[in-house]
């Protein structure tokens, strides 16, 4: 299974949750082995889980039994850093299950694309030469230099 799965048992009336199972995908994402996780407190192993917002979801799901999703959010502590998307369920046994995906690579790719697009935009906008894109017989994009050369605004040129 490519998604991470962690199973927790509530302790102290839902004031903490202890790991009872953890799959291989979760081991890879969290850089911990199953043996390092089982029996340990989520608050101990993931000290920023409250700030991350997932701990509140665990507590609500444990108390209400209603599944919840926790949207893509950045987690970081002194050990790990990454983006996670979580779905949390309560089993009939009372255990909480989190099925989640490590979307760090995707978020990094999105950030790199935004940076690249911004660099390209600045290059085109600040070029002293005309830069334009023609498609199907129309100018779809024109930089300010194109407008100066044609003595029109760039918006008028690419309209």
N, C-alpha and C. Protein backbone atom coordinates (compact mmCIF):
# COMPACT_ATOMS: atom_id res chain seq x y z
N UNK A 1 0.85 -1.17 0.00
CA UNK A 1 0.00 0.00 0.00
C UNK A 1 0.90 1.24 0.00
N UNK A 2 0.61 2.19 -0.86
CA UNK A 2 1.46 3.38 -0.93
C UNK A 2 1.10 4.42 0.12
N UNK A 3 -0.13 4.39 0.60
CA UNK A 3 -0.51 5.32 1.67
C UNK A 3 0.02 4.83 3.00
N UNK A 4 0.29 5.77 3.87
CA UNK A 4 0.74 5.46 5.21
C UNK A 4 -0.48 5.11 6.06
N UNK A 5 -0.30 4.18 6.98
CA UNK A 5 -1.38 3.81 7.90
C UNK A 5 -0.79 3.69 9.30
N UNK A 6 -1.44 4.36 10.23
CA UNK A 6 -1.05 4.26 11.64
C UNK A 6 -2.31 3.97 12.45
N UNK A 7 -2.19 3.07 13.41
CA UNK A 7 -3.31 2.72 14.29
C UNK A 7 -2.91 3.13 15.71
N UNK A 8 -3.84 3.78 16.39
CA UNK A 8 -3.58 4.32 17.73
C UNK A 8 -4.63 3.82 18.71
N UNK A 9 -4.22 3.71 19.95
CA UNK A 9 -5.13 3.41 21.03
C UNK A 9 -5.15 4.63 21.96
N UNK A 10 -6.34 5.05 22.34
CA UNK A 10 -6.46 6.22 23.22
C UNK A 10 -5.97 5.88 24.61
N UNK A 11 -5.33 6.85 25.24
CA UNK A 11 -4.88 6.71 26.62
C UNK A 11 -5.38 7.93 27.40
N UNK A 12 -5.55 7.75 28.70
CA UNK A 12 -5.95 8.84 29.59
C UNK A 12 -7.17 9.58 29.06
N UNK A 13 -8.18 8.80 28.68
CA UNK A 13 -9.44 9.35 28.19
C UNK A 13 -9.24 10.29 26.99
N UNK A 14 -8.37 9.88 26.08
CA UNK A 14 -8.15 10.64 24.85
C UNK A 14 -7.17 11.79 24.99
N UNK A 15 -6.45 11.85 26.09
CA UNK A 15 -5.46 12.91 26.26
C UNK A 15 -4.14 12.59 25.57
N UNK A 16 -3.99 11.35 25.14
CA UNK A 16 -2.83 10.93 24.36
C UNK A 16 -3.24 9.70 23.56
N UNK A 17 -2.44 9.35 22.60
CA UNK A 17 -2.69 8.18 21.76
C UNK A 17 -1.38 7.43 21.60
N UNK A 18 -1.47 6.11 21.73
CA UNK A 18 -0.30 5.25 21.67
C UNK A 18 -0.37 4.44 20.37
N UNK A 19 0.77 4.31 19.69
CA UNK A 19 0.84 3.55 18.45
C UNK A 19 0.67 2.06 18.72
N UNK A 20 -0.24 1.43 17.98
CA UNK A 20 -0.39 -0.02 18.08
C UNK A 20 -0.05 -0.71 16.76
N UNK A 21 0.01 0.05 15.68
CA UNK A 21 0.44 -0.51 14.39
C UNK A 21 0.87 0.62 13.46
N UNK A 22 1.68 0.23 12.48
CA UNK A 22 2.32 1.22 11.60
C UNK A 22 2.79 0.48 10.37
N UNK A 23 2.42 0.90 9.15
CA UNK A 23 2.83 0.14 7.97
C UNK A 23 4.17 0.62 7.40
N UNK A 24 4.66 -0.10 6.38
CA UNK A 24 5.96 0.20 5.77
C UNK A 24 6.00 1.59 5.15
N UNK A 25 4.92 2.01 4.50
CA UNK A 25 4.89 3.35 3.90
C UNK A 25 5.06 4.42 4.98
N UNK A 26 4.45 4.22 6.13
CA UNK A 26 4.59 5.17 7.23
C UNK A 26 6.01 5.15 7.79
N UNK A 27 6.63 3.98 7.83
CA UNK A 27 8.03 3.91 8.27
C UNK A 27 8.91 4.78 7.37
N UNK A 28 8.69 4.67 6.06
CA UNK A 28 9.49 5.47 5.11
C UNK A 28 9.22 6.96 5.28
N UNK A 29 7.97 7.33 5.42
CA UNK A 29 7.61 8.74 5.53
C UNK A 29 8.12 9.37 6.81
N UNK A 30 8.06 8.63 7.89
CA UNK A 30 8.40 9.19 9.21
C UNK A 30 9.83 8.90 9.64
N UNK A 31 10.55 8.13 8.85
CA UNK A 31 11.96 7.81 9.14
C UNK A 31 12.12 7.14 10.50
N UNK A 32 11.15 6.27 10.81
CA UNK A 32 11.19 5.47 12.03
C UNK A 32 10.75 4.06 11.68
N UNK A 33 11.27 3.08 12.38
CA UNK A 33 10.83 1.71 12.16
C UNK A 33 9.58 1.44 12.99
N UNK A 34 8.88 0.39 12.59
CA UNK A 34 7.69 -0.02 13.32
C UNK A 34 8.05 -0.31 14.78
N UNK A 35 9.18 -0.98 14.99
CA UNK A 35 9.61 -1.30 16.35
C UNK A 35 9.87 -0.05 17.19
N UNK A 36 10.31 1.03 16.55
CA UNK A 36 10.55 2.29 17.28
C UNK A 36 9.24 2.99 17.63
N UNK A 37 8.15 2.61 16.94
CA UNK A 37 6.88 3.29 17.12
C UNK A 37 5.92 2.59 18.08
N UNK A 38 5.81 1.28 17.94
CA UNK A 38 4.79 0.53 18.68
C UNK A 38 4.93 0.76 20.18
N UNK A 39 3.79 1.11 20.78
CA UNK A 39 3.74 1.32 22.23
C UNK A 39 4.12 2.73 22.66
N UNK A 40 4.59 3.56 21.74
CA UNK A 40 5.02 4.92 22.09
C UNK A 40 3.86 5.92 21.91
N UNK A 41 3.96 6.99 22.63
CA UNK A 41 2.98 8.08 22.60
C UNK A 41 3.17 8.92 21.34
N UNK A 42 2.05 9.28 20.71
CA UNK A 42 2.12 10.17 19.55
C UNK A 42 2.69 11.53 19.95
N UNK A 43 2.39 11.98 21.15
CA UNK A 43 2.91 13.28 21.62
C UNK A 43 4.42 13.24 21.85
N UNK A 44 4.94 12.07 22.19
CA UNK A 44 6.37 11.93 22.40
C UNK A 44 7.12 11.86 21.07
N UNK A 45 6.61 11.03 20.17
CA UNK A 45 7.31 10.84 18.89
C UNK A 45 7.11 11.99 17.92
N UNK A 46 5.97 12.66 18.01
CA UNK A 46 5.65 13.78 17.11
C UNK A 46 5.25 14.98 17.95
N UNK A 47 6.24 15.66 18.54
CA UNK A 47 5.96 16.73 19.50
C UNK A 47 5.18 17.91 18.94
N UNK A 48 5.16 18.08 17.63
CA UNK A 48 4.43 19.20 17.03
C UNK A 48 3.05 18.80 16.53
N UNK A 49 2.57 17.62 16.91
CA UNK A 49 1.29 17.13 16.39
C UNK A 49 0.12 18.02 16.82
N UNK A 50 0.23 18.67 17.97
CA UNK A 50 -0.85 19.60 18.38
C UNK A 50 -0.89 20.82 17.47
N UNK A 51 0.28 21.44 17.25
CA UNK A 51 0.35 22.62 16.38
C UNK A 51 -0.04 22.28 14.95
N UNK A 52 0.26 21.08 14.53
CA UNK A 52 -0.07 20.58 13.20
C UNK A 52 -1.59 20.50 13.02
N UNK A 53 -2.32 20.32 14.12
CA UNK A 53 -3.78 20.27 14.08
C UNK A 53 -4.35 18.86 14.06
N UNK A 54 -3.51 17.87 13.90
CA UNK A 54 -4.00 16.50 13.78
C UNK A 54 -4.44 15.92 15.12
N UNK A 55 -3.82 16.34 16.20
CA UNK A 55 -4.17 15.80 17.51
C UNK A 55 -5.63 16.11 17.85
N UNK A 56 -6.08 17.32 17.54
CA UNK A 56 -7.48 17.69 17.78
C UNK A 56 -8.41 16.79 16.97
N UNK A 57 -8.00 16.46 15.74
CA UNK A 57 -8.80 15.56 14.90
C UNK A 57 -8.88 14.19 15.56
N UNK A 58 -7.75 13.67 16.05
CA UNK A 58 -7.75 12.38 16.75
C UNK A 58 -8.76 12.40 17.89
N UNK A 59 -8.70 13.45 18.70
CA UNK A 59 -9.60 13.52 19.85
C UNK A 59 -11.07 13.59 19.45
N UNK A 60 -11.37 14.40 18.44
CA UNK A 60 -12.77 14.51 17.99
C UNK A 60 -13.27 13.17 17.44
N UNK A 61 -12.48 12.54 16.60
CA UNK A 61 -12.88 11.26 16.02
C UNK A 61 -13.03 10.21 17.11
N UNK A 62 -12.13 10.19 18.07
CA UNK A 62 -12.22 9.22 19.15
C UNK A 62 -13.50 9.44 19.97
N UNK A 63 -13.84 10.71 20.22
CA UNK A 63 -15.02 11.01 21.04
C UNK A 63 -16.33 10.82 20.29
N UNK A 64 -16.37 11.23 19.00
CA UNK A 64 -17.63 11.20 18.25
C UNK A 64 -17.81 9.96 17.39
N UNK A 65 -16.71 9.34 16.98
CA UNK A 65 -16.79 8.21 16.07
C UNK A 65 -16.98 8.61 14.62
N UNK A 66 -17.07 9.91 14.36
CA UNK A 66 -17.23 10.39 12.98
C UNK A 66 -15.88 10.61 12.32
N UNK A 67 -15.68 10.03 11.13
CA UNK A 67 -14.40 10.21 10.43
C UNK A 67 -14.19 11.68 10.04
N UNK A 68 -12.94 12.06 9.95
CA UNK A 68 -12.59 13.43 9.54
C UNK A 68 -11.36 13.39 8.65
N UNK A 69 -11.26 14.40 7.81
CA UNK A 69 -10.03 14.57 7.04
C UNK A 69 -9.29 15.77 7.60
N UNK A 70 -8.00 15.71 7.50
CA UNK A 70 -7.13 16.82 7.89
C UNK A 70 -6.40 17.22 6.62
N UNK A 71 -6.64 18.42 6.12
CA UNK A 71 -6.12 18.79 4.80
C UNK A 71 -4.59 18.82 4.76
N UNK A 72 -4.07 18.91 3.56
CA UNK A 72 -2.62 18.98 3.37
C UNK A 72 -2.07 20.10 4.25
N UNK A 73 -1.19 19.72 5.15
CA UNK A 73 -0.61 20.65 6.12
C UNK A 73 0.85 20.31 6.31
N UNK A 74 1.64 21.33 6.58
CA UNK A 74 3.07 21.15 6.79
C UNK A 74 3.33 20.77 8.24
N UNK A 75 4.05 19.68 8.43
CA UNK A 75 4.46 19.25 9.77
C UNK A 75 5.97 19.41 9.89
N UNK A 76 6.42 19.89 11.03
CA UNK A 76 7.86 19.90 11.28
C UNK A 76 8.13 19.89 12.77
N UNK A 77 9.16 19.14 13.11
CA UNK A 77 9.70 19.16 14.46
C UNK A 77 11.21 19.05 14.31
N UNK A 78 11.91 18.77 15.37
CA UNK A 78 13.38 18.73 15.28
C UNK A 78 13.89 17.52 14.50
N UNK A 79 13.03 16.51 14.28
CA UNK A 79 13.44 15.30 13.60
C UNK A 79 13.04 15.26 12.13
N UNK A 80 11.81 15.68 11.82
CA UNK A 80 11.32 15.56 10.44
C UNK A 80 10.60 16.83 10.00
N UNK A 81 10.44 16.93 8.69
CA UNK A 81 9.72 18.04 8.07
C UNK A 81 9.04 17.50 6.83
N UNK A 82 7.78 17.81 6.65
CA UNK A 82 7.09 17.37 5.44
C UNK A 82 5.64 17.76 5.44
N UNK A 83 5.00 17.50 4.34
CA UNK A 83 3.59 17.81 4.12
C UNK A 83 2.79 16.51 4.18
N UNK A 84 1.69 16.52 4.93
CA UNK A 84 0.87 15.32 5.08
C UNK A 84 -0.60 15.66 4.86
N UNK A 85 -1.32 14.69 4.29
CA UNK A 85 -2.78 14.77 4.15
C UNK A 85 -3.35 13.55 4.86
N UNK A 86 -4.22 13.75 5.84
CA UNK A 86 -4.69 12.68 6.72
C UNK A 86 -6.20 12.46 6.63
N UNK A 87 -6.58 11.20 6.77
CA UNK A 87 -7.98 10.78 6.92
C UNK A 87 -8.01 9.93 8.18
N UNK A 88 -8.87 10.29 9.12
CA UNK A 88 -8.86 9.64 10.43
C UNK A 88 -10.23 8.99 10.68
N UNK A 89 -10.18 7.74 11.14
CA UNK A 89 -11.37 6.93 11.38
C UNK A 89 -11.29 6.29 12.75
N UNK A 90 -12.45 5.91 13.26
CA UNK A 90 -12.49 5.14 14.51
C UNK A 90 -13.00 3.75 14.18
N UNK A 91 -12.26 2.75 14.63
CA UNK A 91 -12.66 1.36 14.42
C UNK A 91 -13.67 0.95 15.49
N UNK A 92 -14.46 -0.10 15.23
CA UNK A 92 -15.40 -0.59 16.25
C UNK A 92 -14.70 -0.97 17.56
N UNK A 93 -13.42 -1.33 17.47
CA UNK A 93 -12.65 -1.67 18.68
C UNK A 93 -12.32 -0.44 19.52
N UNK A 94 -12.55 0.76 18.96
CA UNK A 94 -12.22 2.00 19.67
C UNK A 94 -10.90 2.60 19.26
N UNK A 95 -10.11 1.85 18.49
CA UNK A 95 -8.83 2.37 18.02
C UNK A 95 -9.06 3.42 16.93
N UNK A 96 -8.11 4.32 16.82
CA UNK A 96 -8.13 5.36 15.79
C UNK A 96 -7.16 4.96 14.69
N UNK A 97 -7.58 5.13 13.45
CA UNK A 97 -6.72 4.83 12.30
C UNK A 97 -6.54 6.10 11.50
N UNK A 98 -5.29 6.40 11.20
CA UNK A 98 -4.97 7.51 10.30
C UNK A 98 -4.41 6.91 9.01
N UNK A 99 -5.07 7.19 7.91
CA UNK A 99 -4.57 6.84 6.59
C UNK A 99 -4.11 8.15 5.99
N UNK A 100 -2.82 8.22 5.65
CA UNK A 100 -2.31 9.51 5.20
C UNK A 100 -1.27 9.35 4.11
N UNK A 101 -1.08 10.46 3.42
CA UNK A 101 -0.10 10.49 2.34
C UNK A 101 0.93 11.56 2.61
N UNK A 102 2.18 11.21 2.35
CA UNK A 102 3.27 12.17 2.41
C UNK A 102 3.32 12.84 1.04
N UNK A 103 2.90 14.10 1.00
CA UNK A 103 2.83 14.83 -0.27
C UNK A 103 3.95 15.87 -0.36
N UNK A 104 5.04 15.63 0.37
CA UNK A 104 6.16 16.56 0.42
C UNK A 104 6.77 16.77 -0.97
N UNK A 105 7.01 15.69 -1.70
CA UNK A 105 7.61 15.81 -3.03
C UNK A 105 6.73 16.63 -3.95
N UNK A 106 5.43 16.41 -3.89
CA UNK A 106 4.48 17.18 -4.70
C UNK A 106 4.51 18.66 -4.33
N UNK A 107 4.51 18.95 -3.03
CA UNK A 107 4.55 20.35 -2.57
C UNK A 107 5.86 21.02 -2.98
N UNK A 108 6.97 20.29 -2.92
CA UNK A 108 8.26 20.84 -3.34
C UNK A 108 8.26 21.12 -4.84
N UNK A 109 7.66 20.22 -5.63
CA UNK A 109 7.57 20.43 -7.08
C UNK A 109 6.69 21.64 -7.39
N UNK A 110 5.59 21.79 -6.67
CA UNK A 110 4.72 22.95 -6.87
C UNK A 110 5.46 24.25 -6.55
N UNK A 111 6.22 24.25 -5.46
CA UNK A 111 6.99 25.44 -5.08
C UNK A 111 8.06 25.75 -6.13
N UNK A 112 8.73 24.72 -6.64
CA UNK A 112 9.75 24.93 -7.68
C UNK A 112 9.11 25.48 -8.96
N UNK A 113 7.93 24.97 -9.30
CA UNK A 113 7.23 25.47 -10.49
C UNK A 113 6.83 26.93 -10.30
N UNK A 114 6.29 27.27 -9.14
CA UNK A 114 5.93 28.68 -8.87
C UNK A 114 7.14 29.58 -8.97
N UNK A 115 8.27 29.14 -8.42
CA UNK A 115 9.50 29.94 -8.48
C UNK A 115 9.95 30.10 -9.93
N UNK A 116 9.93 29.03 -10.68
CA UNK A 116 10.33 29.08 -12.09
C UNK A 116 9.41 30.00 -12.90
N UNK A 117 8.11 29.90 -12.66
CA UNK A 117 7.16 30.75 -13.37
C UNK A 117 7.38 32.22 -13.02
N UNK A 118 7.65 32.50 -11.76
CA UNK A 118 7.90 33.88 -11.33
C UNK A 118 9.18 34.42 -11.97
N UNK A 119 10.23 33.60 -12.01
CA UNK A 119 11.48 34.02 -12.65
C UNK A 119 11.26 34.29 -14.14
N UNK A 120 10.52 33.42 -14.81
CA UNK A 120 10.23 33.61 -16.23
C UNK A 120 9.41 34.88 -16.44
N UNK A 121 8.39 35.08 -15.60
CA UNK A 121 7.54 36.28 -15.71
C UNK A 121 8.38 37.55 -15.56
N UNK A 122 9.25 37.58 -14.56
CA UNK A 122 10.10 38.75 -14.34
C UNK A 122 11.05 38.97 -15.52
N UNK A 123 11.60 37.90 -16.05
CA UNK A 123 12.49 37.99 -17.21
C UNK A 123 11.77 38.60 -18.40
N UNK A 124 10.58 38.10 -18.68
CA UNK A 124 9.80 38.60 -19.83
C UNK A 124 9.37 40.04 -19.60
N UNK A 125 8.84 40.34 -18.43
CA UNK A 125 8.36 41.70 -18.15
C UNK A 125 9.47 42.74 -18.17
N UNK A 126 10.67 42.35 -17.76
CA UNK A 126 11.76 43.32 -17.67
C UNK A 126 12.70 43.31 -18.87
N UNK A 127 12.44 42.47 -19.84
CA UNK A 127 13.29 42.43 -21.03
C UNK A 127 13.16 43.74 -21.80
N UNK A 128 14.27 44.22 -22.31
CA UNK A 128 14.22 45.46 -23.11
C UNK A 128 13.83 45.17 -24.55
N UNK A 129 13.88 43.91 -24.95
CA UNK A 129 13.46 43.52 -26.29
C UNK A 129 12.01 43.08 -26.26
N UNK A 130 11.38 43.09 -27.41
CA UNK A 130 10.00 42.62 -27.51
C UNK A 130 9.96 41.11 -27.29
N UNK A 131 9.08 40.69 -26.43
CA UNK A 131 8.84 39.27 -26.21
C UNK A 131 7.33 39.09 -26.30
N UNK A 132 6.92 38.20 -27.19
CA UNK A 132 5.50 37.96 -27.34
C UNK A 132 5.26 36.52 -27.75
N UNK A 133 4.02 36.08 -27.56
CA UNK A 133 3.61 34.74 -27.94
C UNK A 133 2.44 34.89 -28.90
N UNK A 134 2.60 34.33 -30.09
CA UNK A 134 1.54 34.33 -31.08
C UNK A 134 0.99 32.92 -31.20
N UNK A 135 -0.34 32.82 -31.24
CA UNK A 135 -0.98 31.52 -31.36
C UNK A 135 -2.25 31.68 -32.17
N UNK A 136 -2.40 30.84 -33.16
CA UNK A 136 -3.60 30.86 -34.02
C UNK A 136 -3.84 32.24 -34.63
N UNK A 137 -2.77 32.93 -34.99
CA UNK A 137 -2.90 34.23 -35.64
C UNK A 137 -3.14 35.39 -34.69
N UNK A 138 -3.09 35.15 -33.40
CA UNK A 138 -3.31 36.21 -32.42
C UNK A 138 -2.11 36.30 -31.48
N UNK A 139 -1.85 37.52 -31.00
CA UNK A 139 -0.85 37.70 -29.96
C UNK A 139 -1.54 37.37 -28.63
N UNK A 140 -1.05 36.34 -27.96
CA UNK A 140 -1.65 35.89 -26.70
C UNK A 140 -0.96 36.52 -25.49
N UNK A 141 0.30 36.93 -25.67
CA UNK A 141 1.07 37.52 -24.58
C UNK A 141 2.05 38.50 -25.19
N UNK A 142 2.19 39.64 -24.55
CA UNK A 142 3.18 40.63 -25.00
C UNK A 142 3.73 41.33 -23.78
N UNK A 143 5.04 41.55 -23.79
CA UNK A 143 5.65 42.24 -22.65
C UNK A 143 5.60 43.75 -22.88
N UNK A 144 5.91 44.53 -21.85
CA UNK A 144 5.87 45.99 -21.98
C UNK A 144 6.75 46.52 -23.11
N UNK A 145 7.89 45.89 -23.38
CA UNK A 145 8.76 46.37 -24.47
C UNK A 145 8.05 46.23 -25.81
N UNK A 146 7.26 45.19 -25.99
CA UNK A 146 6.49 45.03 -27.23
C UNK A 146 5.52 46.19 -27.38
N UNK A 147 4.88 46.55 -26.29
CA UNK A 147 3.95 47.68 -26.33
C UNK A 147 4.66 48.98 -26.66
N UNK A 148 5.85 49.22 -26.08
CA UNK A 148 6.60 50.45 -26.38
C UNK A 148 6.98 50.50 -27.86
N UNK A 149 7.45 49.39 -28.38
CA UNK A 149 7.87 49.35 -29.79
C UNK A 149 6.68 49.63 -30.71
N UNK A 150 5.52 49.08 -30.39
CA UNK A 150 4.32 49.26 -31.22
C UNK A 150 3.52 50.50 -30.82
N UNK A 151 4.01 51.21 -29.81
CA UNK A 151 3.38 52.43 -29.29
C UNK A 151 1.94 52.17 -28.83
N UNK A 152 1.78 51.05 -28.15
CA UNK A 152 0.49 50.66 -27.54
C UNK A 152 0.82 50.02 -26.20
N UNK A 153 -0.19 49.80 -25.38
CA UNK A 153 0.08 49.09 -24.13
C UNK A 153 0.20 47.60 -24.42
N UNK A 154 0.93 46.92 -23.58
CA UNK A 154 1.10 45.49 -23.76
C UNK A 154 -0.25 44.78 -23.73
N UNK A 155 -1.18 45.27 -22.90
CA UNK A 155 -2.51 44.67 -22.83
C UNK A 155 -3.27 44.85 -24.15
N UNK A 156 -3.13 46.01 -24.78
CA UNK A 156 -3.78 46.24 -26.07
C UNK A 156 -3.19 45.36 -27.14
N UNK A 157 -1.90 45.16 -27.11
CA UNK A 157 -1.22 44.34 -28.12
C UNK A 157 -1.68 42.90 -28.04
N UNK A 158 -1.82 42.37 -26.83
CA UNK A 158 -2.16 40.95 -26.67
C UNK A 158 -3.66 40.73 -26.53
N UNK A 159 -4.46 41.72 -26.81
CA UNK A 159 -5.92 41.55 -26.66
C UNK A 159 -6.52 40.80 -27.82
